[in-house]
Amino acid sequence: MSDENKLPARELNTRQKIAVITVDVLILAELCVAMYLANANPDVFTPTFMKSFFSMLVPTMIAGYVSMRLLREKQPQVESAQS
């Protein structure tokens, strides 16, 4: 496989980097909240943790994906001129 056919990797712009940091902080906060909620009742720790953590994680990941797509810089479309 040749390297000529590979697309160049896109670099994150500043707004996208801020969005990634925000999503990371939100995930850490969600982890802390889920641990706190699960620790309240040790008998059902695992189900409580998984239910609370993943119910918060999934919307955060979707919001992160959407924000990365929306904050992406638009590529100028170049139209080919035919003579």
PDB file of N, CA and C in Angstrom:
ATOM      1  N   MET A   1       0.850  -1.171   0.000  1.00  0.00           N
ATOM      2  CA  MET A   1       0.000   0.000   0.000  1.00  0.00           C
ATOM      3  C   MET A   1       0.897   1.237   0.000  1.00  0.00           C
ATOM      4  N   SER A   2       0.656   2.152  -0.898  1.00  0.00           N
ATOM      5  CA  SER A   2       1.518   3.335  -1.002  1.00  0.00           C
ATOM      6  C   SER A   2       0.976   4.470  -0.151  1.00  0.00           C
ATOM      7  N   ASP A   3       1.892   5.348   0.272  1.00  0.00           N
ATOM      8  CA  ASP A   3       1.508   6.488   1.091  1.00  0.00           C
ATOM      9  C   ASP A   3       0.896   7.611   0.264  1.00  0.00           C
ATOM     10  N   GLU A   4       0.982   7.531  -1.035  1.00  0.00           N
ATOM     11  CA  GLU A   4       0.464   8.585  -1.897  1.00  0.00           C
ATOM     12  C   GLU A   4      -1.064   8.632  -1.890  1.00  0.00           C
ATOM     13  N   ASN A   5      -1.709   7.504  -1.655  1.00  0.00           N
ATOM     14  CA  ASN A   5      -3.167   7.431  -1.701  1.00  0.00           C
ATOM     15  C   ASN A   5      -3.833   7.834  -0.393  1.00  0.00           C
ATOM     16  N   LYS A   6      -3.040   7.994   0.674  1.00  0.00           N
ATOM     17  CA  LYS A   6      -3.623   8.348   1.964  1.00  0.00           C
ATOM     18  C   LYS A   6      -3.981   9.821   2.002  1.00  0.00           C
ATOM     19  N   LEU A   7      -5.102  10.112   2.639  1.00  0.00           N
ATOM     20  CA  LEU A   7      -5.509  11.500   2.824  1.00  0.00           C
ATOM     21  C   LEU A   7      -4.718  12.103   3.977  1.00  0.00           C
ATOM     22  N   PRO A   8      -4.375  13.376   3.878  1.00  0.00           N
ATOM     23  CA  PRO A   8      -3.647  13.993   4.991  1.00  0.00           C
ATOM     24  C   PRO A   8      -4.547  14.102   6.224  1.00  0.00           C
ATOM     25  N   ALA A   9      -3.964  13.895   7.397  1.00  0.00           N
ATOM     26  CA  ALA A   9      -4.731  13.976   8.640  1.00  0.00           C
ATOM     27  C   ALA A   9      -5.090  15.426   8.925  1.00  0.00           C
ATOM     28  N   ARG A  10      -6.313  15.633   9.362  1.00  0.00           N
ATOM     29  CA  ARG A  10      -6.747  16.988   9.700  1.00  0.00           C
ATOM     30  C   ARG A  10      -6.262  17.334  11.090  1.00  0.00           C
ATOM     31  N   GLU A  11      -5.826  18.540  11.239  1.00  0.00           N
ATOM     32  CA  GLU A  11      -5.394  19.019  12.535  1.00  0.00           C
ATOM     33  C   GLU A  11      -6.555  19.749  13.197  1.00  0.00           C
ATOM     34  N   LEU A  12      -6.644  19.657  14.516  1.00  0.00           N
ATOM     35  CA  LEU A  12      -7.723  20.317  15.235  1.00  0.00           C
ATOM     36  C   LEU A  12      -7.449  21.810  15.328  1.00  0.00           C
ATOM     37  N   ASN A  13      -8.500  22.613  15.127  1.00  0.00           N
ATOM     38  CA  ASN A  13      -8.340  24.042  15.335  1.00  0.00           C
ATOM     39  C   ASN A  13      -8.550  24.341  16.821  1.00  0.00           C
ATOM     40  N   THR A  14      -8.366  25.594  17.198  1.00  0.00           N
ATOM     41  CA  THR A  14      -8.429  25.970  18.614  1.00  0.00           C
ATOM     42  C   THR A  14      -9.795  25.686  19.219  1.00  0.00           C
ATOM     43  N   ARG A  15     -10.854  25.985  18.487  1.00  0.00           N
ATOM     44  CA  ARG A  15     -12.208  25.738  19.009  1.00  0.00           C
ATOM     45  C   ARG A  15     -12.445  24.254  19.240  1.00  0.00           C
ATOM     46  N   GLN A  16     -11.937  23.410  18.356  1.00  0.00           N
ATOM     47  CA  GLN A  16     -12.100  21.970  18.527  1.00  0.00           C
ATOM     48  C   GLN A  16     -11.298  21.469  19.723  1.00  0.00           C
ATOM     49  N   LYS A  17     -10.115  22.031  19.926  1.00  0.00           N
ATOM     50  CA  LYS A  17      -9.304  21.631  21.083  1.00  0.00           C
ATOM     51  C   LYS A  17     -10.021  21.985  22.382  1.00  0.00           C
ATOM     52  N   ILE A  18     -10.654  23.151  22.421  1.00  0.00           N
ATOM     53  CA  ILE A  18     -11.414  23.558  23.608  1.00  0.00           C
ATOM     54  C   ILE A  18     -12.601  22.621  23.814  1.00  0.00           C
ATOM     55  N   ALA A  19     -13.248  22.219  22.726  1.00  0.00           N
ATOM     56  CA  ALA A  19     -14.386  21.288  22.828  1.00  0.00           C
ATOM     57  C   ALA A  19     -13.935  19.932  23.374  1.00  0.00           C
ATOM     58  N   VAL A  20     -12.779  19.455  22.945  1.00  0.00           N
ATOM     59  CA  VAL A  20     -12.262  18.172  23.437  1.00  0.00           C
ATOM     60  C   VAL A  20     -11.960  18.253  24.928  1.00  0.00           C
ATOM     61  N   ILE A  21     -11.331  19.347  25.353  1.00  0.00           N
ATOM     62  CA  ILE A  21     -11.024  19.528  26.775  1.00  0.00           C
ATOM     63  C   ILE A  21     -12.313  19.591  27.589  1.00  0.00           C
ATOM     64  N   THR A  22     -13.322  20.290  27.078  1.00  0.00           N
ATOM     65  CA  THR A  22     -14.606  20.400  27.768  1.00  0.00           C
ATOM     66  C   THR A  22     -15.270  19.036  27.911  1.00  0.00           C
ATOM     67  N   VAL A  23     -15.267  18.255  26.848  1.00  0.00           N
ATOM     68  CA  VAL A  23     -15.872  16.918  26.901  1.00  0.00           C
ATOM     69  C   VAL A  23     -15.111  16.037  27.890  1.00  0.00           C
ATOM     70  N   ASP A  24     -13.782  16.137  27.915  1.00  0.00           N
ATOM     71  CA  ASP A  24     -12.996  15.355  28.871  1.00  0.00           C
ATOM     72  C   ASP A  24     -13.345  15.711  30.312  1.00  0.00           C
ATOM     73  N   VAL A  25     -13.469  16.995  30.597  1.00  0.00           N
ATOM     74  CA  VAL A  25     -13.823  17.434  31.952  1.00  0.00           C
ATOM     75  C   VAL A  25     -15.226  16.963  32.314  1.00  0.00           C
ATOM     76  N   LEU A  26     -16.150  17.041  31.367  1.00  0.00           N
ATOM     77  CA  LEU A  26     -17.512  16.564  31.622  1.00  0.00           C
ATOM     78  C   LEU A  26     -17.538  15.064  31.924  1.00  0.00           C
ATOM     79  N   ILE A  27     -16.752  14.285  31.205  1.00  0.00           N
ATOM     80  CA  ILE A  27     -16.710  12.843  31.439  1.00  0.00           C
ATOM     81  C   ILE A  27     -16.141  12.540  32.825  1.00  0.00           C
ATOM     82  N   LEU A  28     -15.115  13.274  33.229  1.00  0.00           N
ATOM     83  CA  LEU A  28     -14.569  13.089  34.580  1.00  0.00           C
ATOM     84  C   LEU A  28     -15.600  13.448  35.648  1.00  0.00           C
ATOM     85  N   ALA A  29     -16.337  14.531  35.427  1.00  0.00           N
ATOM     86  CA  ALA A  29     -17.375  14.924  36.380  1.00  0.00           C
ATOM     87  C   ALA A  29     -18.477  13.869  36.433  1.00  0.00           C
ATOM     88  N   GLU A  30     -18.862  13.329  35.286  1.00  0.00           N
ATOM     89  CA  GLU A  30     -19.888  12.285  35.239  1.00  0.00           C
ATOM     90  C   GLU A  30     -19.418  11.031  35.967  1.00  0.00           C
ATOM     91  N   LEU A  31     -18.143  10.703  35.837  1.00  0.00           N
ATOM     92  CA  LEU A  31     -17.591   9.559  36.542  1.00  0.00           C
ATOM     93  C   LEU A  31     -17.677   9.758  38.054  1.00  0.00           C
ATOM     94  N   CYS A  32     -17.348  10.968  38.511  1.00  0.00           N
ATOM     95  CA  CYS A  32     -17.429  11.270  39.942  1.00  0.00           C
ATOM     96  C   CYS A  32     -18.871  11.194  40.450  1.00  0.00           C
ATOM     97  N   VAL A  33     -19.794  11.736  39.682  1.00  0.00           N
ATOM     98  CA  VAL A  33     -21.207  11.701  40.082  1.00  0.00           C
ATOM     99  C   VAL A  33     -21.713  10.264  40.122  1.00  0.00           C
ATOM    100  N   ALA A  34     -21.344   9.470  39.132  1.00  0.00           N
ATOM    101  CA  ALA A  34     -21.791   8.077  39.100  1.00  0.00           C
ATOM    102  C   ALA A  34     -21.214   7.291  40.270  1.00  0.00           C
ATOM    103  N   MET A  35     -19.959   7.537  40.613  1.00  0.00           N
ATOM    104  CA  MET A  35     -19.356   6.862  41.770  1.00  0.00           C
ATOM    105  C   MET A  35     -20.058   7.284  43.058  1.00  0.00           C
ATOM    106  N   TYR A  36     -20.388   8.552  43.181  1.00  0.00           N
ATOM    107  CA  TYR A  36     -21.086   9.052  44.362  1.00  0.00           C
ATOM    108  C   TYR A  36     -22.466   8.399  44.498  1.00  0.00           C
ATOM    109  N   LEU A  37     -23.201   8.352  43.400  1.00  0.00           N
ATOM    110  CA  LEU A  37     -24.538   7.752  43.429  1.00  0.00           C
ATOM    111  C   LEU A  37     -24.476   6.252  43.728  1.00  0.00           C
ATOM    112  N   ALA A  38     -23.500   5.563  43.147  1.00  0.00           N
ATOM    113  CA  ALA A  38     -23.381   4.130  43.357  1.00  0.00           C
ATOM    114  C   ALA A  38     -22.921   3.807  44.776  1.00  0.00           C
ATOM    115  N   ASN A  39     -22.120   4.668  45.352  1.00  0.00           N
ATOM    116  CA  ASN A  39     -21.601   4.442  46.701  1.00  0.00           C
ATOM    117  C   ASN A  39     -22.693   4.606  47.759  1.00  0.00           C
ATOM    118  N   ALA A  40     -23.777   5.262  47.418  1.00  0.00           N
ATOM    119  CA  ALA A  40     -24.865   5.463  48.365  1.00  0.00           C
ATOM    120  C   ALA A  40     -25.528   4.140  48.750  1.00  0.00           C
ATOM    121  N   ASN A  41     -25.512   3.175  47.844  1.00  0.00           N
ATOM    122  CA  ASN A  41     -26.110   1.864  48.121  1.00  0.00           C
ATOM    123  C   ASN A  41     -25.155   0.775  47.622  1.00  0.00           C
ATOM    124  N   PRO A  42     -24.240   0.312  48.478  1.00  0.00           N
ATOM    125  CA  PRO A  42     -23.215  -0.651  48.044  1.00  0.00           C
ATOM    126  C   PRO A  42     -23.766  -2.003  47.578  1.00  0.00           C
ATOM    127  N   ASP A  43     -24.966  -2.350  47.977  1.00  0.00           N
ATOM    128  CA  ASP A  43     -25.527  -3.644  47.573  1.00  0.00           C
ATOM    129  C   ASP A  43     -25.772  -3.729  46.071  1.00  0.00           C
ATOM    130  N   VAL A  44     -26.120  -2.618  45.473  1.00  0.00           N
ATOM    131  CA  VAL A  44     -26.363  -2.578  44.022  1.00  0.00           C
ATOM    132  C   VAL A  44     -25.420  -1.571  43.371  1.00  0.00           C
ATOM    133  N   PHE A  45     -24.163  -1.624  43.774  1.00  0.00           N
ATOM    134  CA  PHE A  45     -23.175  -0.662  43.306  1.00  0.00           C
ATOM    135  C   PHE A  45     -23.021  -0.696  41.782  1.00  0.00           C
ATOM    136  N   THR A  46     -22.756  -1.881  41.245  1.00  0.00           N
ATOM    137  CA  THR A  46     -22.466  -1.995  39.813  1.00  0.00           C
ATOM    138  C   THR A  46     -23.647  -1.579  38.933  1.00  0.00           C
ATOM    139  N   PRO A  47     -24.846  -2.071  39.167  1.00  0.00           N
ATOM    140  CA  PRO A  47     -25.957  -1.630  38.305  1.00  0.00           C
ATOM    141  C   PRO A  47     -26.236  -0.128  38.416  1.00  0.00           C
ATOM    142  N   THR A  48     -26.126   0.398  39.636  1.00  0.00           N
ATOM    143  CA  THR A  48     -26.360   1.832  39.817  1.00  0.00           C
ATOM    144  C   THR A  48     -25.309   2.643  39.094  1.00  0.00           C
ATOM    145  N   PHE A  49     -24.041   2.218  39.226  1.00  0.00           N
ATOM    146  CA  PHE A  49     -22.959   2.931  38.559  1.00  0.00           C
ATOM    147  C   PHE A  49     -23.139   2.901  37.047  1.00  0.00           C
ATOM    148  N   MET A  50     -23.376   1.729  36.505  1.00  0.00           N
ATOM    149  CA  MET A  50     -23.477   1.598  35.053  1.00  0.00           C
ATOM    150  C   MET A  50     -24.679   2.364  34.508  1.00  0.00           C
ATOM    151  N   LYS A  51     -25.796   2.295  35.212  1.00  0.00           N
ATOM    152  CA  LYS A  51     -26.993   3.000  34.749  1.00  0.00           C
ATOM    153  C   LYS A  51     -26.778   4.515  34.765  1.00  0.00           C
ATOM    154  N   SER A  52     -26.218   5.024  35.850  1.00  0.00           N
ATOM    155  CA  SER A  52     -26.040   6.474  35.947  1.00  0.00           C
ATOM    156  C   SER A  52     -24.908   6.964  35.045  1.00  0.00           C
ATOM    157  N   PHE A  53     -23.792   6.242  34.995  1.00  0.00           N
ATOM    158  CA  PHE A  53     -22.662   6.703  34.196  1.00  0.00           C
ATOM    159  C   PHE A  53     -22.972   6.679  32.706  1.00  0.00           C
ATOM    160  N   PHE A  54     -23.483   5.567  32.222  1.00  0.00           N
ATOM    161  CA  PHE A  54     -23.724   5.469  30.784  1.00  0.00           C
ATOM    162  C   PHE A  54     -24.902   6.314  30.329  1.00  0.00           C
ATOM    163  N   SER A  55     -25.860   6.571  31.221  1.00  0.00           N
ATOM    164  CA  SER A  55     -26.953   7.464  30.826  1.00  0.00           C
ATOM    165  C   SER A  55     -26.463   8.913  30.707  1.00  0.00           C
ATOM    166  N   MET A  56     -25.371   9.251  31.373  1.00  0.00           N
ATOM    167  CA  MET A  56     -24.777  10.584  31.217  1.00  0.00           C
ATOM    168  C   MET A  56     -23.719  10.599  30.112  1.00  0.00           C
ATOM    169  N   LEU A  57     -23.013   9.478  29.942  1.00  0.00           N
ATOM    170  CA  LEU A  57     -21.908   9.424  28.993  1.00  0.00           C
ATOM    171  C   LEU A  57     -22.374   9.491  27.539  1.00  0.00           C
ATOM    172  N   VAL A  58     -23.406   8.744  27.207  1.00  0.00           N
ATOM    173  CA  VAL A  58     -23.852   8.671  25.813  1.00  0.00           C
ATOM    174  C   VAL A  58     -24.237  10.045  25.253  1.00  0.00           C
ATOM    175  N   PRO A  59     -25.077  10.840  25.950  1.00  0.00           N
ATOM    176  CA  PRO A  59     -25.382  12.174  25.406  1.00  0.00           C
ATOM    177  C   PRO A  59     -24.150  13.081  25.322  1.00  0.00           C
ATOM    178  N   THR A  60     -23.225  12.933  26.263  1.00  0.00           N
ATOM    179  CA  THR A  60     -22.004  13.741  26.223  1.00  0.00           C
ATOM    180  C   THR A  60     -21.163  13.388  25.004  1.00  0.00           C
ATOM    181  N   MET A  61     -21.043  12.112  24.713  1.00  0.00           N
ATOM    182  CA  MET A  61     -20.263  11.686  23.545  1.00  0.00           C
ATOM    183  C   MET A  61     -20.929  12.146  22.247  1.00  0.00           C
ATOM    184  N   ILE A  62     -22.240  12.073  22.191  1.00  0.00           N
ATOM    185  CA  ILE A  62     -22.951  12.538  20.997  1.00  0.00           C
ATOM    186  C   ILE A  62     -22.770  14.039  20.828  1.00  0.00           C
ATOM    187  N   ALA A  63     -22.895  14.781  21.928  1.00  0.00           N
ATOM    188  CA  ALA A  63     -22.699  16.232  21.865  1.00  0.00           C
ATOM    189  C   ALA A  63     -21.272  16.571  21.463  1.00  0.00           C
ATOM    190  N   GLY A  64     -20.311  15.813  21.950  1.00  0.00           N
ATOM    191  CA  GLY A  64     -18.909  16.031  21.562  1.00  0.00           C
ATOM    192  C   GLY A  64     -18.683  15.778  20.090  1.00  0.00           C
ATOM    193  N   TYR A  65     -19.265  14.708  19.570  1.00  0.00           N
ATOM    194  CA  TYR A  65     -19.125  14.397  18.147  1.00  0.00           C
ATOM    195  C   TYR A  65     -19.747  15.492  17.285  1.00  0.00           C
ATOM    196  N   VAL A  66     -20.955  15.908  17.657  1.00  0.00           N
ATOM    197  CA  VAL A  66     -21.643  16.946  16.891  1.00  0.00           C
ATOM    198  C   VAL A  66     -20.877  18.266  16.959  1.00  0.00           C
ATOM    199  N   SER A  67     -20.382  18.600  18.139  1.00  0.00           N
ATOM    200  CA  SER A  67     -19.642  19.866  18.262  1.00  0.00           C
ATOM    201  C   SER A  67     -18.354  19.829  17.447  1.00  0.00           C
ATOM    202  N   MET A  68     -17.680  18.690  17.401  1.00  0.00           N
ATOM    203  CA  MET A  68     -16.463  18.595  16.584  1.00  0.00           C
ATOM    204  C   MET A  68     -16.795  18.782  15.104  1.00  0.00           C
ATOM    205  N   ARG A  69     -17.912  18.243  14.676  1.00  0.00           N
ATOM    206  CA  ARG A  69     -18.306  18.401  13.275  1.00  0.00           C
ATOM    207  C   ARG A  69     -18.700  19.844  12.968  1.00  0.00           C
ATOM    208  N   LEU A  70     -19.408  20.485  13.909  1.00  0.00           N
ATOM    209  CA  LEU A  70     -19.857  21.858  13.679  1.00  0.00           C
ATOM    210  C   LEU A  70     -18.703  22.858  13.751  1.00  0.00           C
ATOM    211  N   LEU A  71     -17.703  22.570  14.565  1.00  0.00           N
ATOM    212  CA  LEU A  71     -16.585  23.500  14.737  1.00  0.00           C
ATOM    213  C   LEU A  71     -15.477  23.291  13.716  1.00  0.00           C
ATOM    214  N   ARG A  72     -15.657  22.341  12.838  1.00  0.00           N
ATOM    215  CA  ARG A  72     -14.658  22.080  11.807  1.00  0.00           C
ATOM    216  C   ARG A  72     -14.620  23.247  10.825  1.00  0.00           C
ATOM    217  N   GLU A  73     -13.410  23.589  10.399  1.00  0.00           N
ATOM    218  CA  GLU A  73     -13.283  24.678   9.429  1.00  0.00           C
ATOM    219  C   GLU A  73     -13.794  24.205   8.077  1.00  0.00           C
ATOM    220  N   LYS A  74     -14.507  25.093   7.436  1.00  0.00           N
ATOM    221  CA  LYS A  74     -15.076  24.756   6.136  1.00  0.00           C
ATOM    222  C   LYS A  74     -13.976  24.799   5.079  1.00  0.00           C
ATOM    223  N   GLN A  75     -13.962  23.796   4.233  1.00  0.00           N
ATOM    224  CA  GLN A  75     -13.001  23.748   3.135  1.00  0.00           C
ATOM    225  C   GLN A  75     -13.572  24.512   1.955  1.00  0.00           C
ATOM    226  N   PRO A  76     -12.825  25.451   1.413  1.00  0.00           N
ATOM    227  CA  PRO A  76     -13.353  26.180   0.247  1.00  0.00           C
ATOM    228  C   PRO A  76     -13.480  25.235  -0.942  1.00  0.00           C
ATOM    229  N   GLN A  77     -14.614  25.346  -1.592  1.00  0.00           N
ATOM    230  CA  GLN A  77     -14.835  24.500  -2.758  1.00  0.00           C
ATOM    231  C   GLN A  77     -14.269  25.180  -3.988  1.00  0.00           C
ATOM    232  N   VAL A  78     -13.417  24.469  -4.666  1.00  0.00           N
ATOM    233  CA  VAL A  78     -12.772  24.997  -5.858  1.00  0.00           C
ATOM    234  C   VAL A  78     -13.479  24.401  -7.063  1.00  0.00           C
ATOM    235  N   GLU A  79     -14.030  25.288  -7.889  1.00  0.00           N
ATOM    236  CA  GLU A  79     -14.707  24.822  -9.085  1.00  0.00           C
ATOM    237  C   GLU A  79     -13.708  24.860 -10.236  1.00  0.00           C
ATOM    238  N   SER A  80     -13.723  23.815 -11.017  1.00  0.00           N
ATOM    239  CA  SER A  80     -12.802  23.767 -12.155  1.00  0.00           C
ATOM    240  C   SER A  80     -13.441  24.528 -13.333  1.00  0.00           C
ATOM    241  N   ALA A  81     -12.639  25.392 -13.895  1.00  0.00           N
ATOM    242  CA  ALA A  81     -13.107  26.177 -15.049  1.00  0.00           C
ATOM    243  C   ALA A  81     -12.747  25.446 -16.327  1.00  0.00           C
ATOM    244  N   GLN A  82     -13.748  25.222 -17.146  1.00  0.00           N
ATOM    245  CA  GLN A  82     -13.488  24.569 -18.420  1.00  0.00           C
ATOM    246  C   GLN A  82     -13.514  25.629 -19.524  1.00  0.00           C
ATOM    247  N   SER A  83     -12.527  25.522 -20.423  1.00  0.00           N
ATOM    248  CA  SER A  83     -12.475  26.522 -21.486  1.00  0.00           C
ATOM    249  C   SER A  83     -13.108  26.033 -22.740  1.00  0.00           C
TER     250      SER A  83
END
